[in-house]
Amino acid sequence: MLNVEFIEIYLLIFLLLIFVLTKVLNRTRCKHINLPPSPPTLPILGHLHLLKEPFNQSLFVLSQKHGPIFSLRLGSRLAIVLSSPSIVEECLTKNDVIFANRPYFWVGKYISYDYTTIISSPYGDHWRNLRRICKLEIFSANRLNSSSSIRQDEIKNLLWKLYYSSSDDNFVKVELKPLLSKLTFNITLRMIAGKKHKPEAVKLHGLQQELLKLGISPIVGDFFPLLRWADFFGYKKKVVKLTREINGLLQGLVDEHRRNKYGFEKEDTVISHLLRLQESKAQYYTDEIIKGIVQVI
């Protein structure tokens, strides 16, 4: 067995090698990229140690020291932080294409159908097609007007509940947050699936809430490639399980609409509308694209 002293020496050598490699890589990057100013970095971690909750306050403090635009090294990833409205406007208007791409975080592979949804897809033909679909077929004035009766009906139901919650004209304290959350869910559910309180859709909503409770965010391996294999606290396993269940339910809703398309004609749901378009332009309206759009909505 190796002596404890030898293990410590090997560990020290390993850390020194990582430190040297980090410095060399950072210098190489800086030669090729004209980066904004940044705080001093730590080996391996970069600037991660500077980000403390609440993050917005941490970034504000850094902006006071380093100006309205500065760079941060988050492990192996580079981030540019903007705190000036005029600079943000310039990035989102004149240079919007340059900043249009999203980083390939691990979760995007599973919850975004291998980076193919509008919130995760890189800028290009596929993303432009998704944007066109959402703009013309989902959020256009005509489509929103066609579902106005659903919104009116659900709002009327909510008002009746509020009215009947009081008795003998006495005022009653009502917590609006859960009622408004349920109102939004019911409207979205009817627009997508066409039926109120559809068991599959209700279960889908529950699974998505579970996914959010996990705190969907980049994992350690997204910032430190050497640790991509690790699954701390079984996080990856839980996310994969939930996303598979969500995908199964979404596919079930799509298949049901496909089997009973004439039954959904009167309701004209989002799924039925996209399936009709699939018949003439299958390559632009695949099941994966439809499921991705439904999930984003």
Protein backbone atom coordinates (compact mmCIF):
# COMPACT_ATOMS: atom_id res chain seq x y z
CA MET A 1 0.00 0.00 0.00
CA LEU A 2 1.15 3.54 -0.74
CA ASN A 3 2.45 5.58 2.14
CA VAL A 4 0.25 8.51 3.18
CA GLU A 5 3.13 10.90 2.49
CA PHE A 6 3.41 9.63 -1.11
CA ILE A 7 -0.32 10.13 -1.63
CA GLU A 8 -0.04 13.71 -0.40
CA ILE A 9 2.92 14.36 -2.71
CA TYR A 10 1.06 12.92 -5.72
CA LEU A 11 -1.99 15.01 -4.86
CA LEU A 12 0.13 18.15 -4.57
CA ILE A 13 1.78 17.46 -7.94
CA PHE A 14 -1.64 16.87 -9.51
CA LEU A 15 -2.99 20.16 -8.16
CA LEU A 16 0.10 22.03 -9.34
CA LEU A 17 -0.31 20.59 -12.84
CA ILE A 18 -3.94 21.68 -12.93
CA PHE A 19 -2.91 25.13 -11.71
CA VAL A 20 -0.28 25.50 -14.44
CA LEU A 21 -2.63 24.18 -17.14
CA THR A 22 -5.36 26.58 -16.03
CA LYS A 23 -3.00 29.55 -16.22
CA VAL A 24 -1.69 28.50 -19.64
CA LEU A 25 -5.21 27.98 -21.04
CA ASN A 26 -6.41 31.30 -19.66
CA ARG A 27 -3.46 33.15 -21.17
CA THR A 28 -4.01 31.40 -24.51
CA ARG A 29 -7.68 32.41 -24.52
CA CYS A 30 -6.87 36.00 -23.61
CA LYS A 31 -4.44 36.27 -26.53
CA HIS A 32 -7.18 35.35 -28.99
CA ILE A 33 -10.11 37.12 -27.30
CA ASN A 34 -10.23 40.77 -26.34
CA LEU A 35 -12.03 40.20 -23.05
CA PRO A 36 -13.52 42.86 -20.77
CA PRO A 37 -11.81 43.37 -17.39
CA SER A 38 -12.26 40.71 -14.74
CA PRO A 39 -11.42 40.08 -11.07
CA PRO A 40 -8.41 37.93 -10.13
CA THR A 41 -9.12 34.22 -10.65
CA LEU A 42 -8.54 31.14 -8.54
CA PRO A 43 -7.06 27.99 -10.10
CA ILE A 44 -9.76 25.64 -11.43
CA LEU A 45 -12.65 27.56 -9.80
CA GLY A 46 -12.09 30.78 -11.73
CA HIS A 47 -14.54 33.30 -10.25
CA LEU A 48 -17.11 30.88 -8.85
CA HIS A 49 -16.08 31.76 -5.31
CA LEU A 50 -17.24 35.34 -5.90
CA LEU A 51 -20.83 34.37 -6.67
CA LYS A 52 -22.84 34.25 -3.47
CA GLU A 53 -26.58 34.44 -2.92
CA PRO A 54 -28.33 36.63 -3.75
CA PHE A 55 -26.47 36.51 -7.08
CA ASN A 56 -27.80 39.83 -8.34
CA GLN A 57 -26.19 41.62 -5.40
CA SER A 58 -22.89 39.80 -5.94
CA LEU A 59 -22.88 40.88 -9.59
CA PHE A 60 -23.81 44.44 -8.61
CA VAL A 61 -20.84 44.65 -6.22
CA LEU A 62 -18.52 43.36 -8.95
CA SER A 63 -19.90 45.89 -11.44
CA GLN A 64 -19.07 48.70 -9.02
CA LYS A 65 -15.44 47.57 -9.01
CA HIS A 66 -14.94 46.52 -12.63
CA GLY A 67 -17.37 48.64 -14.62
CA PRO A 68 -20.65 48.05 -16.51
CA ILE A 69 -19.17 45.21 -18.57
CA PHE A 70 -16.81 42.57 -17.16
CA SER A 71 -15.95 38.92 -17.70
CA LEU A 72 -16.08 35.98 -15.33
CA ARG A 73 -14.48 32.57 -15.63
CA LEU A 74 -16.91 29.99 -14.19
CA GLY A 75 -14.83 26.86 -14.08
CA SER A 76 -14.14 26.12 -17.75
CA ARG A 77 -16.86 28.49 -19.00
CA LEU A 78 -16.58 32.16 -19.88
CA ALA A 79 -19.37 34.59 -19.00
CA ILE A 80 -19.77 38.26 -19.86
CA VAL A 81 -21.81 40.34 -17.39
CA LEU A 82 -23.58 43.52 -18.49
CA SER A 83 -25.11 46.04 -16.10
CA SER A 84 -25.60 49.01 -18.43
CA PRO A 85 -28.98 49.34 -20.22
CA SER A 86 -27.34 50.93 -23.26
CA ILE A 87 -24.81 48.08 -23.61
CA VAL A 88 -27.56 45.49 -23.15
CA GLU A 89 -29.61 47.21 -25.86
CA GLU A 90 -26.64 47.15 -28.21
CA CYS A 91 -26.10 43.42 -27.59
CA LEU A 92 -29.79 42.59 -28.14
CA THR A 93 -30.26 44.75 -31.26
CA LYS A 94 -27.15 45.48 -33.31
CA ASN A 95 -25.29 42.33 -32.23
CA ASP A 96 -28.20 40.04 -31.38
CA VAL A 97 -27.05 37.22 -33.70
CA ILE A 98 -23.65 37.07 -31.99
CA PHE A 99 -25.29 36.57 -28.59
CA ALA A 100 -28.14 34.35 -29.80
CA ASN A 101 -26.64 30.97 -28.89
CA ARG A 102 -27.11 29.21 -25.57
CA PRO A 103 -24.52 27.11 -23.73
CA TYR A 104 -24.91 23.35 -23.97
CA PHE A 105 -25.73 22.51 -20.38
CA TRP A 106 -26.38 18.89 -19.43
CA VAL A 107 -30.05 19.31 -18.58
CA GLY A 108 -30.81 20.61 -22.09
CA LYS A 109 -30.08 17.19 -23.55
CA TYR A 110 -32.96 15.64 -21.61
CA ILE A 111 -35.58 18.29 -20.89
CA SER A 112 -35.12 20.04 -24.26
CA TYR A 113 -35.04 17.01 -26.59
CA ASP A 114 -31.30 17.15 -27.22
CA TYR A 115 -31.21 20.96 -27.51
CA THR A 116 -34.00 21.18 -30.11
CA THR A 117 -36.60 23.36 -28.32
CA ILE A 118 -36.80 27.11 -28.86
CA ILE A 119 -35.30 27.87 -25.43
CA SER A 120 -32.24 25.63 -25.95
CA SER A 121 -31.65 25.31 -29.70
CA PRO A 122 -28.59 27.10 -31.12
CA TYR A 123 -29.23 29.95 -33.52
CA GLY A 124 -29.72 28.67 -37.07
CA ASP A 125 -32.33 27.31 -39.47
CA HIS A 126 -33.96 25.06 -36.87
CA TRP A 127 -34.28 27.86 -34.31
CA ARG A 128 -35.69 30.25 -36.93
CA ASN A 129 -38.26 27.61 -37.90
CA LEU A 130 -39.33 27.19 -34.26
CA ARG A 131 -39.60 30.96 -33.87
CA ARG A 132 -41.75 31.13 -37.00
CA ILE A 133 -44.05 28.38 -35.69
CA CYS A 134 -44.49 30.09 -32.32
CA LYS A 135 -45.03 33.51 -33.87
CA LEU A 136 -47.52 32.45 -36.56
CA GLU A 137 -49.16 29.29 -35.25
CA ILE A 138 -49.18 29.68 -31.45
CA PHE A 139 -49.02 33.34 -30.38
CA SER A 140 -50.45 35.13 -33.40
CA ALA A 141 -53.48 37.41 -32.92
CA ASN A 142 -55.73 34.96 -34.80
CA ARG A 143 -54.68 31.98 -32.68
CA LEU A 144 -55.07 33.90 -29.43
CA ASN A 145 -58.48 35.21 -30.51
CA SER A 146 -59.61 31.67 -31.31
CA SER A 147 -58.98 30.66 -27.69
CA SER A 148 -60.52 33.78 -26.12
CA SER A 149 -63.66 31.84 -25.14
CA ILE A 150 -61.51 29.50 -23.03
CA ARG A 151 -59.99 32.41 -21.12
CA GLN A 152 -63.37 34.04 -20.62
CA ASP A 153 -64.88 30.78 -19.35
CA GLU A 154 -62.07 30.12 -16.87
CA ILE A 155 -62.08 33.70 -15.58
CA LYS A 156 -65.86 33.49 -15.13
CA ASN A 157 -65.42 30.25 -13.14
CA LEU A 158 -62.85 31.93 -10.92
CA LEU A 159 -65.12 34.90 -10.27
CA TRP A 160 -67.99 32.58 -9.32
CA LYS A 161 -65.70 30.78 -6.85
CA LEU A 162 -64.75 34.09 -5.30
CA TYR A 163 -68.39 35.14 -5.13
CA TYR A 164 -69.55 31.91 -3.45
CA SER A 165 -66.59 31.91 -1.03
CA SER A 166 -68.36 34.66 0.91
CA SER A 167 -71.59 34.15 2.82
CA ASP A 168 -74.25 36.60 4.02
CA ASP A 169 -72.37 39.45 2.35
CA ASN A 170 -69.52 39.09 4.82
CA PHE A 171 -65.97 39.65 3.64
CA VAL A 172 -63.76 36.56 3.58
CA LYS A 173 -59.97 36.45 3.36
CA VAL A 174 -58.93 34.68 0.16
CA GLU A 175 -55.42 33.66 -0.92
CA LEU A 176 -55.27 34.59 -4.60
CA LYS A 177 -51.88 33.11 -5.49
CA PRO A 178 -53.00 29.43 -5.72
CA LEU A 179 -56.26 30.46 -7.45
CA LEU A 180 -54.41 32.47 -10.10
CA SER A 181 -51.90 29.66 -10.56
CA LYS A 182 -54.73 27.19 -11.12
CA LEU A 183 -56.43 29.66 -13.50
CA THR A 184 -53.28 29.83 -15.64
CA PHE A 185 -52.93 26.05 -15.59
CA ASN A 186 -56.57 25.46 -16.59
CA ILE A 187 -56.36 27.92 -19.48
CA THR A 188 -53.09 26.45 -20.76
CA LEU A 189 -54.38 22.89 -20.33
CA ARG A 190 -57.54 23.56 -22.33
CA MET A 191 -55.63 25.36 -25.06
CA ILE A 192 -53.17 22.46 -25.40
CA ALA A 193 -55.21 19.33 -24.67
CA GLY A 194 -58.76 20.57 -25.19
CA LYS A 195 -60.27 19.03 -22.09
CA LYS A 196 -60.54 20.45 -18.61
CA HIS A 197 -58.81 18.44 -15.87
CA LYS A 198 -57.64 15.77 -18.34
CA PRO A 199 -55.88 13.18 -16.08
CA GLU A 200 -52.79 12.87 -18.30
CA ALA A 201 -52.36 16.63 -18.53
CA VAL A 202 -52.87 17.10 -14.79
CA LYS A 203 -50.22 14.44 -14.12
CA LEU A 204 -47.94 16.15 -16.65
CA HIS A 205 -48.29 19.41 -14.72
CA GLY A 206 -47.39 17.61 -11.50
CA LEU A 207 -44.26 16.06 -13.03
CA GLN A 208 -43.14 19.42 -14.38
CA GLN A 209 -43.56 20.92 -10.91
CA GLU A 210 -41.39 18.11 -9.52
CA LEU A 211 -38.79 18.94 -12.13
CA LEU A 212 -38.81 22.59 -11.07
CA LYS A 213 -38.50 21.61 -7.39
CA LEU A 214 -35.28 19.79 -8.24
CA GLY A 215 -33.94 23.22 -9.13
CA ILE A 216 -33.17 22.52 -12.78
CA SER A 217 -29.80 24.15 -13.30
CA PRO A 218 -26.35 23.38 -14.71
CA ILE A 219 -24.49 20.64 -12.89
CA VAL A 220 -20.89 20.58 -11.67
CA GLY A 221 -19.80 18.75 -14.83
CA ASP A 222 -21.02 21.67 -16.97
CA PHE A 223 -18.28 23.83 -15.45
CA PHE A 224 -15.69 21.14 -14.79
CA PRO A 225 -15.59 18.64 -17.71
CA LEU A 226 -13.50 16.16 -15.71
CA LEU A 227 -16.48 15.66 -13.37
CA ARG A 228 -19.13 15.02 -16.04
CA TRP A 229 -19.28 11.37 -15.04
CA ALA A 230 -20.28 12.18 -11.45
CA ASP A 231 -23.90 12.12 -10.31
CA PHE A 232 -23.93 13.98 -7.01
CA PHE A 233 -26.92 13.08 -4.78
CA GLY A 234 -28.50 11.10 -7.66
CA TYR A 235 -29.51 14.38 -9.34
CA LYS A 236 -28.99 13.12 -12.89
CA LYS A 237 -30.92 9.93 -12.25
CA LYS A 238 -33.93 11.86 -10.90
CA VAL A 239 -33.95 14.30 -13.85
CA VAL A 240 -33.71 11.50 -16.43
CA LYS A 241 -36.55 9.57 -14.77
CA LEU A 242 -38.85 12.60 -14.65
CA THR A 243 -38.11 13.69 -18.22
CA ARG A 244 -38.84 10.19 -19.53
CA GLU A 245 -42.21 10.20 -17.76
CA ILE A 246 -42.98 13.68 -19.11
CA ASN A 247 -42.04 12.64 -22.64
CA GLY A 248 -44.28 9.56 -22.38
CA LEU A 249 -47.27 11.67 -21.32
CA LEU A 250 -46.67 14.26 -24.04
CA GLN A 251 -46.41 11.54 -26.68
CA GLY A 252 -49.63 10.04 -25.35
CA LEU A 253 -51.45 13.36 -25.79
CA VAL A 254 -50.09 13.73 -29.34
CA ASP A 255 -51.08 10.15 -30.25
CA GLU A 256 -54.57 10.63 -28.81
CA HIS A 257 -55.10 13.74 -30.90
CA ARG A 258 -53.79 11.92 -33.96
CA ARG A 259 -56.19 8.99 -33.42
CA ASN A 260 -59.19 11.20 -32.70
CA LYS A 261 -58.38 14.22 -34.82
CA TYR A 262 -61.97 14.73 -35.91
CA GLY A 263 -63.07 14.68 -32.32
CA PHE A 264 -60.75 17.59 -31.58
CA GLU A 265 -61.69 19.68 -34.63
CA LYS A 266 -64.27 21.75 -32.73
CA GLU A 267 -61.87 22.44 -29.87
CA ASP A 268 -58.97 23.29 -32.20
CA THR A 269 -56.28 22.68 -29.59
CA VAL A 270 -52.63 23.58 -30.04
CA ILE A 271 -51.79 19.91 -30.59
CA SER A 272 -54.55 19.32 -33.15
CA HIS A 273 -53.59 22.50 -35.02
CA LEU A 274 -49.92 21.47 -35.23
CA LEU A 275 -50.86 17.93 -36.29
CA ARG A 276 -52.89 19.33 -39.19
CA LEU A 277 -49.82 21.27 -40.28
CA GLN A 278 -47.77 18.09 -39.87
CA GLU A 279 -49.79 16.42 -42.63
CA SER A 280 -48.52 18.86 -45.25
CA LYS A 281 -45.10 19.81 -43.79
CA ALA A 282 -43.97 16.79 -41.82
CA GLN A 283 -40.31 17.86 -41.63
CA TYR A 284 -41.21 21.13 -39.87
CA TYR A 285 -43.79 19.66 -37.48
CA THR A 286 -42.32 16.42 -36.16
CA ASP A 287 -43.67 14.90 -32.94
CA GLU A 288 -40.51 16.05 -31.14
CA ILE A 289 -41.06 19.65 -32.27
CA ILE A 290 -44.72 19.51 -31.21
CA LYS A 291 -43.83 18.06 -27.80
CA GLY A 292 -41.10 20.64 -27.33
CA ILE A 293 -43.49 23.50 -28.11
CA VAL A 294 -46.16 22.10 -25.78
CA GLN A 295 -43.60 21.74 -23.00
CA VAL A 296 -42.42 25.33 -23.38
CA ILE A 297 -45.99 26.65 -23.32
